[in-house]
Amino acid sequence: METLDKRQKMLIMIAVMAVLLFSALNMTIVGTALPKIVSAIGGMEYFDWVFTIYMLTSSITAILVGKLSDIYGRKIFILVGIVIFSLGSLLSGFSDTILQLILFRGIQGFGGGMLMSVSFATVGDLFSPRERGRWQGALGGVFGLASLFGPTLGGTIVDNFQWSWVFWVFLPFGVIAFILIAKLYPKAENKAKEKVDYLGSFVLTIVIVTMLLGFSWADSKYAWDSPEIIGLFATSIVSLILFLIVEMKVKSPVIPLHLFKNNVFAISNAVAFLLGMGMFSVIMYIPFHVQGVAGKTATTSGLIEMAMTISMVISSAIAGNLVTKTGKYKKIAIIGLIVMSIGIYLNTLLSIETSLTRVILNLIVTGLGMGVTFPVFNTTVQNAVKHKYLGVATATSQLFRELGGTVGVAIMGAIMTNKMAEKIEEINMPEIPDGEAPTGGIGMDMEALQDPQILMNPDALDKIRSELPEPMLDVLNSLIISLREALSYALSSVFMFAMFAIVLTVVLTFFLKEIKLRTSNEDEEEEEVQGEQ
């Protein structure tokens, strides 16, 4: 594919970006729409599974298809991925129950994992490592645009149309993307077929599922030391050991372990894991500050996060072009990571008095640094391995980023809960005189207020206010201020943890061996070992 003419390469990349935009918009549009969807079909107790099932199925598929696409070519998996993702989207719109929605979102995840894995690998097929930077930056920009417009569009649709259109509105783009890929994408070259590692794939699936569920449910559904969480982690560890044994014995492993002997591959994946922690700290916990501490609406929170998205898209494009122009990436990566760590550190200084302008400036700094990481570390991983491992190397990097995000959110959630509880203990809770509390017990309401989620729900706060006698409103307002200060204190600790994760990526990147970006996709025996220690 590297030998195709420039025009055909451009057309293929337009088709690939259309595929990614189609899938990314479908992912980002659901978040803001889901509360109204659940209110229509019920099943609030299974709310989180709509996200969890997609994460599980997409993570599993991405890593397995990465290897399979190295064997059988990318085209078939992009086409199959579009069909499966579109089918899942279509069926999701017809859901009558939350269980149906969860099932169909799982189908979407299988397709989405294929598209994610193969699309980034396609850049490696079309362009040499020296040329890939600008295109990796362009793909990062596609995700930024989806994050920018998806949530707003989701809210607009459910406010003005039937909620099903959240899943159906982009289906025509799927049809167009399918036609473009089918027509433009060349057939896979005939290669010697390898035996598929079914056993390794099965064991790896168990590792991923139990690990993701363990970190997703810890401290939310179950305590960290509960039998359920301990059982999931124990199963994950045992399965990981079995997976390593299997991979060392099979002829064509689903993840070739020898790749981790490569300095660039190993460090880049470690950085991807820590970056996942840092990115999700901002994405998940800035809304807690805007809505819970500052008391603003979810719409305001979404608009504020746009600042980070826009700066991320800009810096991703600039960094990608710099990598392509100079052939250098280590200094660019270090500068980007330092800027990102500064942005997250600034978030540790947020307080109840902080203006929204200050929050926006912090997010711009964070986004500028974050955007640099997309083209740089995708390029370093692909440049470090032989072209025959391109798919599995790309998918492995994406898996490490997702695992880092999942693990990081679980740890930071525990930090926020514990730090907030610690601060609340320092607050002198007001005594409620007998006879002043309304029927139902104000004590229950005061206890509910200690959950940070309640601070992000104006309707719930208004309900509590409506139940209070007039003399108690000042007491309640004073308590809410104290609780917002406690949440702000807890969030500072969350962002401090995330900052240390990103600082560690800076340290790791100093040890990254900068090998020359190849100007061809032709494998040479010495190329892969250049990055080894």
Protein backbone atom coordinates (compact mmCIF):
# COMPACT_ATOMS: atom_id res chain seq x y z
CA MET A 1 0.00 0.00 0.00
CA GLU A 2 2.95 2.32 0.51
CA THR A 3 3.48 2.34 -3.27
CA LEU A 4 0.00 3.68 -4.07
CA ASP A 5 -0.16 7.10 -5.72
CA LYS A 6 -0.62 10.15 -3.52
CA ARG A 7 -4.20 10.79 -4.65
CA GLN A 8 -5.37 7.29 -3.77
CA LYS A 9 -3.66 7.49 -0.38
CA MET A 10 -5.46 10.75 0.33
CA LEU A 11 -8.81 9.27 -0.66
CA ILE A 12 -8.23 6.20 1.53
CA MET A 13 -7.32 8.41 4.50
CA ILE A 14 -10.46 10.50 3.97
CA ALA A 15 -12.46 7.25 4.03
CA VAL A 16 -10.64 6.08 7.18
CA MET A 17 -11.26 9.41 8.93
CA ALA A 18 -14.92 9.14 7.94
CA VAL A 19 -15.01 5.69 9.56
CA LEU A 20 -13.40 6.99 12.75
CA LEU A 21 -15.65 10.05 12.89
CA PHE A 22 -18.69 7.79 12.43
CA SER A 23 -17.71 5.54 15.33
CA ALA A 24 -16.32 8.30 17.59
CA LEU A 25 -19.44 10.46 17.26
CA ASN A 26 -21.61 7.47 18.13
CA MET A 27 -19.51 6.92 21.27
CA THR A 28 -19.44 10.53 22.47
CA ILE A 29 -23.07 11.35 21.67
CA VAL A 30 -24.44 8.73 24.08
CA GLY A 31 -23.14 10.22 27.35
CA THR A 32 -25.35 13.29 27.53
CA ALA A 33 -28.36 11.45 26.08
CA LEU A 34 -28.29 8.43 28.38
CA PRO A 35 -30.15 9.94 31.38
CA LYS A 36 -33.19 10.66 29.21
CA ILE A 37 -32.91 7.28 27.49
CA VAL A 38 -32.96 5.53 30.87
CA SER A 39 -35.91 7.63 32.00
CA ALA A 40 -37.77 6.41 28.91
CA ILE A 41 -36.96 2.69 29.05
CA GLY A 42 -36.13 2.29 32.75
CA GLY A 43 -33.32 0.26 34.36
CA MET A 44 -31.42 2.90 36.32
CA GLU A 45 -29.71 0.13 38.35
CA TYR A 46 -27.97 -1.06 35.16
CA PHE A 47 -27.08 2.44 33.95
CA ASP A 48 -23.30 1.96 34.08
CA TRP A 49 -23.40 -1.27 32.10
CA VAL A 50 -24.26 0.69 28.95
CA PHE A 51 -20.70 2.05 29.12
CA THR A 52 -19.00 -0.96 30.71
CA ILE A 53 -20.14 -3.47 28.08
CA TYR A 54 -18.86 -1.25 25.26
CA MET A 55 -15.50 -0.88 26.98
CA LEU A 56 -15.19 -4.65 27.46
CA THR A 57 -16.16 -5.73 23.96
CA SER A 58 -14.18 -2.99 22.19
CA SER A 59 -11.02 -3.67 24.24
CA ILE A 60 -11.15 -7.40 23.55
CA THR A 61 -11.85 -7.00 19.85
CA ALA A 62 -9.20 -4.33 19.29
CA ILE A 63 -6.32 -6.43 20.57
CA LEU A 64 -7.44 -9.65 18.83
CA VAL A 65 -8.17 -7.96 15.49
CA GLY A 66 -4.81 -6.20 15.66
CA LYS A 67 -3.08 -9.56 15.26
CA LEU A 68 -5.60 -10.98 12.79
CA SER A 69 -5.33 -7.93 10.52
CA ASP A 70 -1.56 -8.50 10.34
CA ILE A 71 -2.35 -11.96 8.94
CA TYR A 72 -5.39 -11.38 6.74
CA GLY A 73 -5.15 -7.67 5.89
CA ARG A 74 -7.00 -4.61 7.20
CA LYS A 75 -9.74 -4.16 4.59
CA ILE A 76 -11.95 -7.08 5.60
CA PHE A 77 -11.90 -6.02 9.26
CA ILE A 78 -12.76 -2.38 8.51
CA LEU A 79 -15.72 -3.48 6.38
CA VAL A 80 -16.90 -6.05 8.92
CA GLY A 81 -16.39 -3.51 11.72
CA ILE A 82 -18.56 -0.93 9.94
CA VAL A 83 -21.34 -3.50 9.43
CA ILE A 84 -21.25 -4.74 13.05
CA PHE A 85 -21.05 -1.21 14.48
CA SER A 86 -23.91 0.00 12.26
CA LEU A 87 -26.02 -3.03 13.20
CA GLY A 88 -25.41 -2.35 16.89
CA SER A 89 -26.35 1.32 16.40
CA LEU A 90 -29.53 0.42 14.52
CA LEU A 91 -30.64 -2.13 17.11
CA SER A 92 -29.78 0.20 20.02
CA GLY A 93 -32.33 2.68 18.69
CA PHE A 94 -35.04 0.00 18.82
CA SER A 95 -34.31 -0.98 22.44
CA ASP A 96 -37.39 -1.36 24.64
CA THR A 97 -35.49 -2.28 27.83
CA ILE A 98 -32.14 -1.44 29.39
CA LEU A 99 -31.01 -5.07 28.95
CA GLN A 100 -31.64 -4.85 25.22
CA LEU A 101 -29.69 -1.60 25.07
CA ILE A 102 -26.78 -3.20 26.94
CA LEU A 103 -26.77 -6.16 24.54
CA PHE A 104 -26.82 -3.96 21.45
CA ARG A 105 -24.14 -1.64 22.86
CA GLY A 106 -22.01 -4.74 23.30
CA ILE A 107 -22.46 -5.45 19.58
CA GLN A 108 -21.47 -1.85 18.87
CA GLY A 109 -18.33 -2.40 20.94
CA PHE A 110 -17.26 -5.40 18.87
CA GLY A 111 -17.48 -3.27 15.73
CA GLY A 112 -15.94 -0.20 17.36
CA GLY A 113 -12.93 -2.19 18.55
CA MET A 114 -12.30 -3.39 15.00
CA LEU A 115 -12.52 0.12 13.57
CA MET A 116 -10.27 1.64 16.22
CA SER A 117 -7.56 -1.00 15.90
CA VAL A 118 -7.44 -1.22 12.12
CA SER A 119 -7.82 2.50 11.33
CA PHE A 120 -4.63 3.52 13.14
CA ALA A 121 -2.77 0.57 11.64
CA THR A 122 -3.88 1.66 8.17
CA VAL A 123 -1.81 4.83 8.55
CA GLY A 124 1.19 2.56 9.02
CA ASP A 125 0.34 0.62 5.87
CA LEU A 126 -0.03 3.71 3.71
CA PHE A 127 2.87 5.80 4.95
CA SER A 128 6.41 5.29 6.15
CA PRO A 129 7.14 6.08 9.81
CA ARG A 130 8.66 9.43 8.77
CA GLU A 131 5.38 10.44 7.09
CA ARG A 132 2.96 9.09 9.70
CA GLY A 133 3.15 11.88 12.25
CA ARG A 134 0.85 14.32 10.44
CA TRP A 135 -1.71 11.59 9.74
CA GLN A 136 -1.66 10.29 13.31
CA GLY A 137 -2.27 13.89 14.35
CA ALA A 138 -5.18 14.12 11.92
CA LEU A 139 -6.78 10.99 13.40
CA GLY A 140 -6.30 12.45 16.88
CA GLY A 141 -8.06 15.56 15.61
CA VAL A 142 -11.02 13.43 14.46
CA PHE A 143 -11.48 12.17 18.03
CA GLY A 144 -11.20 15.72 19.30
CA LEU A 145 -13.92 16.92 16.94
CA ALA A 146 -16.15 14.03 17.98
CA SER A 147 -15.64 14.95 21.63
CA LEU A 148 -16.39 18.56 20.77
CA PHE A 149 -19.67 18.08 18.92
CA GLY A 150 -20.93 14.69 20.13
CA PRO A 151 -22.15 15.57 23.64
CA THR A 152 -23.83 18.80 22.52
CA LEU A 153 -25.51 17.04 19.62
CA GLY A 154 -26.67 14.23 21.90
CA GLY A 155 -28.36 16.70 24.24
CA THR A 156 -29.98 18.54 21.33
CA ILE A 157 -31.41 15.34 19.84
CA VAL A 158 -32.98 14.03 23.05
CA ASP A 159 -34.37 17.47 23.86
CA ASN A 160 -36.07 17.88 20.48
CA PHE A 161 -36.50 14.45 18.88
CA GLN A 162 -37.07 10.81 19.77
CA TRP A 163 -34.02 9.47 21.66
CA SER A 164 -33.53 6.67 19.12
CA TRP A 165 -32.09 9.22 16.68
CA VAL A 166 -29.02 9.43 18.91
CA PHE A 167 -28.08 6.02 17.48
CA TRP A 168 -29.55 6.46 14.00
CA VAL A 169 -28.48 9.97 12.97
CA PHE A 170 -25.02 8.92 11.76
CA LEU A 171 -25.96 5.65 10.05
CA PRO A 172 -25.80 7.27 6.58
CA PHE A 173 -22.14 8.10 7.31
CA GLY A 174 -21.56 4.41 7.95
CA VAL A 175 -22.99 3.54 4.53
CA ILE A 176 -20.82 6.17 2.85
CA ALA A 177 -17.72 5.01 4.74
CA PHE A 178 -18.41 1.37 3.75
CA ILE A 179 -18.71 2.29 0.05
CA LEU A 180 -15.53 4.37 0.15
CA ILE A 181 -13.48 1.66 1.86
CA ALA A 182 -14.86 -1.10 -0.39
CA LYS A 183 -14.02 0.90 -3.51
CA LEU A 184 -10.73 2.56 -2.58
CA TYR A 185 -8.99 0.21 -0.16
CA PRO A 186 -6.77 -2.26 -2.08
CA LYS A 187 -7.04 -5.98 -1.55
CA ALA A 188 -4.68 -7.56 0.94
CA GLU A 189 -1.50 -9.01 -0.47
CA ASN A 190 -1.19 -12.76 -0.42
CA LYS A 191 0.82 -13.73 2.64
CA ALA A 192 1.77 -17.00 4.19
CA LYS A 193 -1.08 -17.69 6.58
CA GLU A 194 -0.29 -18.25 10.24
CA LYS A 195 -2.12 -20.44 12.69
CA VAL A 196 -4.48 -18.37 14.85
CA ASP A 197 -3.70 -18.44 18.57
CA TYR A 198 -7.20 -19.33 19.79
CA LEU A 199 -6.11 -20.47 23.25
CA GLY A 200 -4.04 -17.35 23.89
CA SER A 201 -6.92 -15.18 22.63
CA PHE A 202 -9.37 -16.87 25.00
CA VAL A 203 -7.10 -16.55 28.03
CA LEU A 204 -6.29 -12.92 27.17
CA THR A 205 -10.03 -12.21 27.00
CA ILE A 206 -10.40 -13.50 30.57
CA VAL A 207 -7.47 -11.33 31.70
CA ILE A 208 -8.96 -8.18 30.17
CA VAL A 209 -12.56 -8.79 31.28
CA THR A 210 -11.75 -9.62 34.91
CA MET A 211 -9.25 -6.77 35.24
CA LEU A 212 -11.56 -4.15 33.74
CA LEU A 213 -14.54 -5.32 35.78
CA GLY A 214 -12.45 -5.41 38.95
CA PHE A 215 -11.25 -1.83 38.59
CA SER A 216 -14.64 -0.61 37.30
CA TRP A 217 -16.59 -2.06 40.23
CA ALA A 218 -14.07 -1.53 43.03
CA ASP A 219 -15.26 1.10 45.51
CA SER A 220 -18.42 1.73 43.47
CA LYS A 221 -20.38 -1.53 43.56
CA TYR A 222 -18.15 -3.46 45.96
CA ALA A 223 -15.45 -2.65 48.50
CA TRP A 224 -11.83 -3.13 47.44
CA ASP A 225 -11.46 -5.98 49.95
CA SER A 226 -14.78 -7.66 49.07
CA PRO A 227 -14.79 -11.30 47.89
CA GLU A 228 -16.12 -10.18 44.49
CA ILE A 229 -13.26 -7.75 43.77
CA ILE A 230 -10.57 -10.01 45.23
CA GLY A 231 -11.97 -12.88 43.15
CA LEU A 232 -11.88 -10.83 39.94
CA PHE A 233 -8.29 -9.69 40.52
CA ALA A 234 -7.16 -13.18 41.51
CA THR A 235 -8.71 -14.59 38.34
CA SER A 236 -7.02 -11.88 36.29
CA ILE A 237 -3.59 -12.60 37.79
CA VAL A 238 -3.88 -16.37 37.33
CA SER A 239 -5.12 -15.86 33.76
CA LEU A 240 -2.23 -13.49 33.03
CA ILE A 241 0.28 -16.10 34.17
CA LEU A 242 -1.41 -18.72 31.99
CA PHE A 243 -1.44 -16.28 29.07
CA LEU A 244 2.32 -15.68 29.36
CA ILE A 245 2.94 -19.44 29.43
CA VAL A 246 0.76 -19.98 26.36
CA GLU A 247 2.37 -17.12 24.43
CA MET A 248 5.86 -18.48 25.07
CA LYS A 249 4.89 -21.85 23.61
CA VAL A 250 2.70 -21.11 20.58
CA LYS A 251 4.18 -20.46 17.14
CA SER A 252 2.10 -17.37 16.31
CA PRO A 253 1.16 -15.63 19.61
CA VAL A 254 -1.65 -13.08 19.69
CA ILE A 255 0.81 -10.69 21.41
CA PRO A 256 4.44 -11.54 20.59
CA LEU A 257 6.15 -11.16 23.95
CA HIS A 258 9.55 -10.52 22.39
CA LEU A 259 8.28 -7.08 21.36
CA PHE A 260 8.54 -6.00 25.00
CA LYS A 261 12.31 -6.51 24.82
CA ASN A 262 12.32 -3.50 22.52
CA ASN A 263 13.13 -0.33 24.50
CA VAL A 264 10.87 1.93 22.44
CA PHE A 265 7.91 -0.47 22.38
CA ALA A 266 8.06 -1.21 26.12
CA ILE A 267 8.49 2.41 27.25
CA SER A 268 5.87 3.72 24.80
CA ASN A 269 3.29 1.28 26.18
CA ALA A 270 4.18 2.19 29.76
CA VAL A 271 3.71 5.84 28.82
CA ALA A 272 0.37 5.00 27.14
CA PHE A 273 -0.83 3.36 30.37
CA LEU A 274 0.08 6.40 32.49
CA LEU A 275 -1.30 8.79 29.89
CA GLY A 276 -4.63 6.99 30.14
CA MET A 277 -4.65 7.84 33.85
CA GLY A 278 -3.85 11.49 33.22
CA MET A 279 -6.33 11.99 30.40
CA PHE A 280 -9.23 10.41 32.23
CA SER A 281 -8.51 12.43 35.38
CA VAL A 282 -9.39 15.57 33.46
CA ILE A 283 -12.23 14.12 31.40
CA MET A 284 -13.94 12.47 34.38
CA TYR A 285 -13.23 14.85 37.27
CA ILE A 286 -13.26 18.38 35.86
CA PRO A 287 -17.09 18.10 35.64
CA PHE A 288 -17.10 17.37 39.40
CA HIS A 289 -15.47 20.75 39.96
CA VAL A 290 -17.61 22.71 37.49
CA GLN A 291 -20.90 21.16 38.61
CA GLY A 292 -20.22 20.02 42.19
CA VAL A 293 -17.87 22.73 43.46
CA ALA A 294 -18.82 25.72 41.28
CA GLY A 295 -22.49 24.71 41.16
CA LYS A 296 -22.85 25.15 37.40
CA THR A 297 -24.95 23.09 34.99
CA ALA A 298 -23.89 20.05 32.97
CA THR A 299 -24.25 22.15 29.82
CA THR A 300 -21.76 24.67 31.19
CA SER A 301 -19.39 21.84 32.08
CA GLY A 302 -19.54 20.51 28.52
CA LEU A 303 -18.89 23.95 27.04
CA ILE A 304 -15.90 24.50 29.33
CA GLU A 305 -14.35 21.17 28.35
CA MET A 306 -14.56 22.28 24.72
CA ALA A 307 -11.59 24.56 25.46
CA MET A 308 -9.41 21.52 26.15
CA THR A 309 -10.71 19.71 23.08
CA ILE A 310 -10.01 22.60 20.71
CA SER A 311 -6.48 23.12 22.04
CA MET A 312 -5.88 19.35 21.86
CA VAL A 313 -6.92 19.22 18.18
CA ILE A 314 -4.64 22.15 17.33
CA SER A 315 -1.58 20.80 19.16
CA SER A 316 -2.13 17.30 17.76
CA ALA A 317 -2.00 18.64 14.21
CA ILE A 318 1.06 20.81 14.92
CA ALA A 319 2.97 18.02 16.68
CA GLY A 320 2.19 15.52 13.91
CA ASN A 321 3.52 17.87 11.26
CA LEU A 322 6.65 18.63 13.31
CA VAL A 323 7.42 14.92 13.66
CA THR A 324 7.02 14.43 9.91
CA LYS A 325 9.06 17.54 9.06
CA THR A 326 11.97 17.02 11.46
CA GLY A 327 12.00 13.24 11.89
CA LYS A 328 12.47 13.86 15.61
CA TYR A 329 9.98 13.00 18.33
CA LYS A 330 11.65 12.64 21.74
CA LYS A 331 12.00 16.36 22.55
CA ILE A 332 8.52 17.04 21.17
CA ALA A 333 7.09 14.30 23.42
CA ILE A 334 8.91 15.59 26.52
CA ILE A 335 7.75 19.17 25.94
CA GLY A 336 4.15 18.01 25.42
CA LEU A 337 4.16 15.88 28.56
CA ILE A 338 5.67 18.68 30.66
CA VAL A 339 2.97 21.09 29.43
CA MET A 340 0.29 18.50 30.21
CA SER A 341 1.66 17.94 33.73
CA ILE A 342 1.67 21.71 34.32
CA GLY A 343 -1.96 21.90 33.20
CA ILE A 344 -3.00 19.11 35.57
CA TYR A 345 -0.98 20.67 38.40
CA LEU A 346 -2.89 23.92 37.90
CA ASN A 347 -6.07 21.91 38.46
CA THR A 348 -4.80 20.94 41.93
CA LEU A 349 -5.02 24.65 42.84
CA LEU A 350 -8.72 24.98 42.01
CA SER A 351 -10.95 26.02 44.89
CA ILE A 352 -14.51 27.05 45.58
CA GLU A 353 -13.60 30.67 44.73
CA THR A 354 -11.87 29.85 41.40
CA SER A 355 -13.42 31.56 38.38
CA LEU A 356 -14.53 29.59 35.34
CA THR A 357 -12.09 31.62 33.26
CA ARG A 358 -9.25 30.15 35.31
CA VAL A 359 -10.62 26.63 34.77
CA ILE A 360 -10.78 27.23 31.00
CA LEU A 361 -7.16 28.46 30.93
CA ASN A 362 -6.07 25.36 32.86
CA LEU A 363 -7.85 23.12 30.37
CA ILE A 364 -6.27 24.91 27.40
CA VAL A 365 -2.80 24.24 28.85
CA THR A 366 -3.71 20.60 29.56
CA GLY A 367 -5.17 20.12 26.07
CA LEU A 368 -2.10 21.60 24.36
CA GLY A 369 0.10 19.05 26.10
CA MET A 370 -2.32 16.16 25.69
CA GLY A 371 -2.70 16.65 21.95
CA VAL A 372 1.02 16.17 21.38
CA THR A 373 0.92 12.63 22.74
CA PHE A 374 -1.45 11.20 20.10
CA PRO A 375 0.76 11.45 16.99
CA VAL A 376 4.06 11.02 18.82
CA PHE A 377 3.51 7.77 20.71
CA ASN A 378 1.45 6.13 17.98
CA THR A 379 4.38 6.80 15.65
CA THR A 380 7.06 5.60 18.08
CA VAL A 381 5.34 2.23 18.60
CA GLN A 382 4.80 1.64 14.89
CA ASN A 383 8.35 2.72 14.01
CA ALA A 384 9.89 0.40 16.61
CA VAL A 385 8.60 -2.90 15.20
CA LYS A 386 8.72 -4.71 11.90
CA HIS A 387 5.85 -3.95 9.58
CA LYS A 388 4.45 -7.46 9.95
CA TYR A 389 3.71 -6.64 13.62
CA LEU A 390 2.13 -3.25 12.85
CA GLY A 391 -1.47 -4.21 13.69
CA VAL A 392 -0.75 -5.98 16.96
CA ALA A 393 1.70 -3.26 18.07
CA THR A 394 -0.86 -0.49 17.42
CA ALA A 395 -3.66 -2.41 19.15
CA THR A 396 -1.44 -3.19 22.17
CA SER A 397 -0.69 0.51 22.64
CA GLN A 398 -4.40 1.35 22.51
CA LEU A 399 -5.15 -1.41 25.03
CA PHE A 400 -2.57 -0.07 27.48
CA ARG A 401 -4.09 3.41 27.21
CA GLU A 402 -7.58 2.05 27.93
CA LEU A 403 -6.34 -0.06 30.84
CA GLY A 404 -4.55 2.96 32.27
CA GLY A 405 -7.74 5.00 32.08
CA THR A 406 -9.79 2.28 33.78
CA VAL A 407 -7.25 1.65 36.54
CA GLY A 408 -6.67 5.36 37.03
CA VAL A 409 -10.36 6.25 37.34
CA ALA A 410 -10.83 3.48 39.92
CA ILE A 411 -7.87 4.66 42.01
CA MET A 412 -8.82 8.33 41.71
CA GLY A 413 -12.42 7.52 42.60
CA ALA A 414 -11.20 5.89 45.81
CA ILE A 415 -8.96 8.89 46.52
CA MET A 416 -11.86 11.32 46.04
CA THR A 417 -14.20 9.31 48.28
CA ASN A 418 -11.66 8.90 51.09
CA LYS A 419 -10.37 12.48 50.99
CA MET A 420 -13.88 13.90 50.97
CA ALA A 421 -14.86 11.71 53.92
CA GLU A 422 -11.70 12.86 55.72
CA LYS A 423 -12.57 16.52 55.16
CA ILE A 424 -16.23 16.04 56.13
CA GLU A 425 -15.11 14.68 59.51
CA GLU A 426 -13.50 18.07 60.15
CA ILE A 427 -16.77 19.88 59.44
CA ASN A 428 -18.95 20.67 62.45
CA MET A 429 -22.26 19.26 61.30
CA PRO A 430 -25.15 21.43 62.50
CA GLU A 431 -27.42 20.10 65.19
CA ILE A 432 -31.05 19.87 64.13
CA PRO A 433 -33.35 20.85 67.01
CA ASP A 434 -36.13 18.40 67.74
CA GLY A 435 -39.33 19.35 65.99
CA GLU A 436 -37.59 21.35 63.26
CA ALA A 437 -36.90 18.43 60.90
CA PRO A 438 -39.59 17.62 58.36
CA THR A 439 -41.33 14.26 58.20
CA GLY A 440 -39.02 11.64 56.74
CA GLY A 441 -36.00 12.76 58.71
CA ILE A 442 -33.58 15.48 57.74
CA GLY A 443 -30.81 13.22 59.00
CA MET A 444 -31.25 11.01 55.95
CA ASP A 445 -30.98 14.04 53.69
CA MET A 446 -27.85 15.31 55.43
CA GLU A 447 -26.28 11.89 54.97
CA ALA A 448 -27.24 11.91 51.30
CA LEU A 449 -25.55 15.29 50.90
CA GLN A 450 -22.22 13.69 51.76
CA ASP A 451 -22.30 11.91 48.40
CA PRO A 452 -20.51 14.22 45.88
CA GLN A 453 -22.99 13.16 43.22
CA ILE A 454 -25.79 14.99 45.06
CA LEU A 455 -23.88 18.27 44.71
CA MET A 456 -24.02 17.79 40.95
CA ASN A 457 -27.80 17.35 40.97
CA PRO A 458 -29.63 20.70 41.37
CA ASP A 459 -33.03 18.98 41.32
CA ALA A 460 -32.11 16.79 44.29
CA LEU A 461 -30.83 19.82 46.22
CA ASP A 462 -34.03 21.73 45.44
CA LYS A 463 -36.07 18.77 46.70
CA ILE A 464 -34.15 18.79 49.99
CA ARG A 465 -34.66 22.56 50.31
CA SER A 466 -38.39 22.18 49.72
CA GLU A 467 -38.65 19.75 52.64
CA LEU A 468 -36.90 22.07 55.09
CA PRO A 469 -38.59 24.66 57.28
CA GLU A 470 -37.56 28.25 56.58
CA PRO A 471 -35.24 28.59 59.62
CA MET A 472 -33.18 25.63 58.40
CA LEU A 473 -32.38 26.97 54.92
CA ASP A 474 -29.41 29.02 56.12
CA VAL A 475 -28.07 25.94 57.91
CA LEU A 476 -28.45 23.87 54.74
CA ASN A 477 -26.76 26.49 52.55
CA SER A 478 -23.87 26.69 54.98
CA LEU A 479 -23.56 22.91 54.93
CA ILE A 480 -23.57 22.83 51.12
CA ILE A 481 -20.71 25.34 51.03
CA SER A 482 -18.74 23.19 53.47
CA LEU A 483 -19.40 20.08 51.40
CA ARG A 484 -18.30 21.86 48.23
CA GLU A 485 -15.08 22.82 49.97
CA ALA A 486 -14.65 19.17 50.96
CA LEU A 487 -15.19 18.07 47.34
CA SER A 488 -12.69 20.66 46.13
CA TYR A 489 -10.16 19.38 48.68
CA ALA A 490 -10.71 15.82 47.46
CA LEU A 491 -10.39 16.79 43.80
CA SER A 492 -7.05 18.47 44.49
CA SER A 493 -5.74 15.11 45.68
CA VAL A 494 -7.17 13.40 42.58
CA PHE A 495 -5.40 15.82 40.26
CA MET A 496 -2.19 15.54 42.29
CA PHE A 497 -2.21 11.77 41.71
CA ALA A 498 -2.81 12.33 37.98
CA MET A 499 -0.01 14.89 37.84
CA PHE A 500 2.48 12.43 39.34
CA ALA A 501 1.40 9.87 36.71
CA ILE A 502 2.21 12.35 33.93
CA VAL A 503 5.47 13.44 35.60
CA LEU A 504 6.44 9.76 35.56
CA THR A 505 5.81 9.69 31.79
CA VAL A 506 8.27 12.57 31.44
CA VAL A 507 10.89 10.55 33.34
CA LEU A 508 10.21 7.44 31.26
CA THR A 509 10.43 9.39 28.01
CA PHE A 510 13.97 10.53 28.90
CA PHE A 511 14.91 6.83 28.72
CA LEU A 512 13.15 6.38 25.37
CA LYS A 513 15.71 5.55 22.71
CA GLU A 514 15.12 7.85 19.73
CA ILE A 515 15.62 5.71 16.66
CA LYS A 516 15.53 7.12 13.17
CA LEU A 517 12.08 7.25 11.60
CA ARG A 518 12.16 4.90 8.65
CA THR A 519 11.39 6.24 5.18
CA SER A 520 10.04 2.91 3.97
CA ASN A 521 7.81 0.13 5.28
CA GLU A 522 10.18 -2.53 3.99
CA ASP A 523 11.39 -4.70 6.89
CA GLU A 524 15.08 -5.03 7.44
CA GLU A 525 16.46 -7.44 9.98
CA GLU A 526 18.41 -4.85 11.91
CA GLU A 527 15.61 -2.31 12.14
CA GLU A 528 13.61 -3.86 14.92
CA VAL A 529 16.56 -4.51 17.19
CA GLN A 530 17.72 -0.90 17.02
CA GLY A 531 15.34 -0.08 19.81
CA GLU A 532 16.40 -3.00 21.99
CA GLN A 533 18.69 -2.71 24.93
